[in-house]
């Protein structure tokens, strides 16, 4: 999965512009803004490195009742097992081929 900066990151980065605009009259504010931006970018890199690593015991399994065929109903189940003590917020998306039509709602 590629790395994407969030809206919160850009808001925090924009907040650094306010003291930067004042640094023309108070020169030491410029150093503070540079330190703030470095800290913000360091936090984004650390978040990327930490959030992409799932524990070894984390399991994701996709099962279906029969072979996929156009015109046939097939149940698809996704089992997520997290025996680790950590809580994860995940966004899961399972798509079907565009040529298949669904009889029931695809979200559960």
Protein backbone atom coordinates (compact mmCIF):
# COMPACT_ATOMS: atom_id res chain seq x y z
CA UNK A 1 0.00 0.00 0.00
CA UNK A 2 1.39 3.38 -0.92
CA UNK A 3 1.99 6.15 1.59
CA UNK A 4 -0.57 9.00 1.59
CA UNK A 5 -0.41 12.14 3.71
CA UNK A 6 -3.66 12.76 5.58
CA UNK A 7 -5.58 16.01 5.78
CA UNK A 8 -4.52 16.35 9.42
CA UNK A 9 -0.87 16.35 8.35
CA UNK A 10 -1.47 19.25 5.95
CA UNK A 11 -3.38 21.21 8.60
CA UNK A 12 -0.50 20.78 11.05
CA UNK A 13 1.99 21.74 8.35
CA UNK A 14 -0.07 24.86 7.54
CA UNK A 15 -0.06 25.83 11.23
CA UNK A 16 3.71 26.09 10.94
CA UNK A 17 3.31 28.87 8.38
CA UNK A 18 1.89 31.31 10.97
CA UNK A 19 5.07 31.51 13.08
CA UNK A 20 7.14 31.43 9.89
CA UNK A 21 5.43 34.60 8.70
CA UNK A 22 6.33 36.26 12.01
CA UNK A 23 9.97 35.16 11.79
CA UNK A 24 10.87 38.22 9.70
CA UNK A 25 10.67 40.33 12.84
CA UNK A 26 11.61 37.63 15.38
CA UNK A 27 14.43 35.57 13.75
CA UNK A 28 14.52 32.70 16.29
CA UNK A 29 10.96 31.70 15.27
CA UNK A 30 12.38 30.47 11.95
CA UNK A 31 14.46 27.85 13.78
CA UNK A 32 11.41 26.79 15.75
CA UNK A 33 9.39 26.34 12.55
CA UNK A 34 12.16 24.25 10.97
CA UNK A 35 12.31 22.09 14.12
CA UNK A 36 8.49 21.78 14.12
CA UNK A 37 8.43 20.72 10.46
CA UNK A 38 11.23 18.19 11.00
CA UNK A 39 9.36 16.76 13.99
CA UNK A 40 6.15 16.57 11.96
CA UNK A 41 7.83 14.78 9.05
CA UNK A 42 9.63 12.45 11.48
CA UNK A 43 6.30 11.58 13.12
CA UNK A 44 4.77 10.85 9.70
CA UNK A 45 7.66 8.53 8.78
CA UNK A 46 7.49 6.77 12.16
CA UNK A 47 3.72 6.34 11.75
CA UNK A 48 4.26 4.82 8.31
CA UNK A 49 6.86 2.36 9.59
CA UNK A 50 4.84 1.31 12.65
CA UNK A 51 1.37 1.16 11.12
CA UNK A 52 2.31 -1.09 8.20
CA UNK A 53 3.57 -3.91 10.42
CA UNK A 54 0.92 -6.31 11.64
CA UNK A 55 1.73 -8.87 14.34
CA UNK A 56 2.73 -12.34 13.15
CA UNK A 57 -0.37 -13.90 14.73
CA UNK A 58 -2.78 -11.61 12.82
CA UNK A 59 -4.69 -13.73 10.27
CA UNK A 60 -7.01 -12.86 7.41
CA UNK A 61 -8.79 -15.66 5.56
CA UNK A 62 -11.22 -15.48 2.66
CA UNK A 63 -13.46 -18.48 2.01
CA UNK A 64 -16.27 -19.10 -0.44
CA UNK A 65 -18.91 -21.81 -0.65
CA UNK A 66 -18.34 -22.89 -4.24
CA UNK A 67 -16.41 -22.04 -7.35
CA UNK A 68 -17.18 -18.60 -8.81
CA UNK A 69 -19.37 -18.77 -11.90
CA UNK A 70 -21.43 -16.14 -13.66
CA UNK A 71 -25.11 -16.57 -12.82
CA UNK A 72 -24.47 -18.70 -9.70
CA UNK A 73 -24.85 -17.53 -6.12
CA UNK A 74 -21.73 -17.93 -4.03
CA UNK A 75 -21.25 -16.95 -0.39
CA UNK A 76 -17.99 -15.25 0.48
CA UNK A 77 -16.81 -15.05 4.09
CA UNK A 78 -13.88 -13.12 5.44
CA UNK A 79 -12.48 -14.24 8.79
CA UNK A 80 -10.23 -11.85 10.67
CA UNK A 81 -8.43 -13.32 13.67
CA UNK A 82 -6.47 -11.05 15.99
CA UNK A 83 -5.24 -12.97 19.05
CA UNK A 84 -2.76 -10.20 19.89
CA UNK A 85 -3.54 -7.78 22.74
CA UNK A 86 -3.55 -4.82 20.30
CA UNK A 87 -6.67 -3.29 18.79
CA UNK A 88 -6.63 -2.51 15.07
CA UNK A 89 -8.87 -0.30 12.98
CA UNK A 90 -8.89 -1.70 9.48
CA UNK A 91 -10.68 -0.87 6.28
CA UNK A 92 -11.43 -3.96 4.24
CA UNK A 93 -12.58 -3.96 0.66
CA UNK A 94 -13.41 -7.11 -1.27
CA UNK A 95 -14.49 -6.53 -4.85
CA UNK A 96 -16.21 -8.80 -7.32
CA UNK A 97 -15.40 -8.93 -11.05
CA UNK A 98 -17.19 -6.18 -13.02
CA UNK A 99 -18.95 -8.70 -15.29
CA UNK A 100 -20.72 -10.35 -12.35
CA UNK A 101 -24.11 -9.06 -11.22
CA UNK A 102 -25.16 -9.31 -7.60
CA UNK A 103 -28.55 -10.53 -6.43
CA UNK A 104 -28.15 -9.26 -2.85
CA UNK A 105 -26.41 -6.31 -1.25
CA UNK A 106 -22.62 -6.60 -1.40
CA UNK A 107 -21.96 -5.01 1.97
CA UNK A 108 -22.35 -6.88 5.23
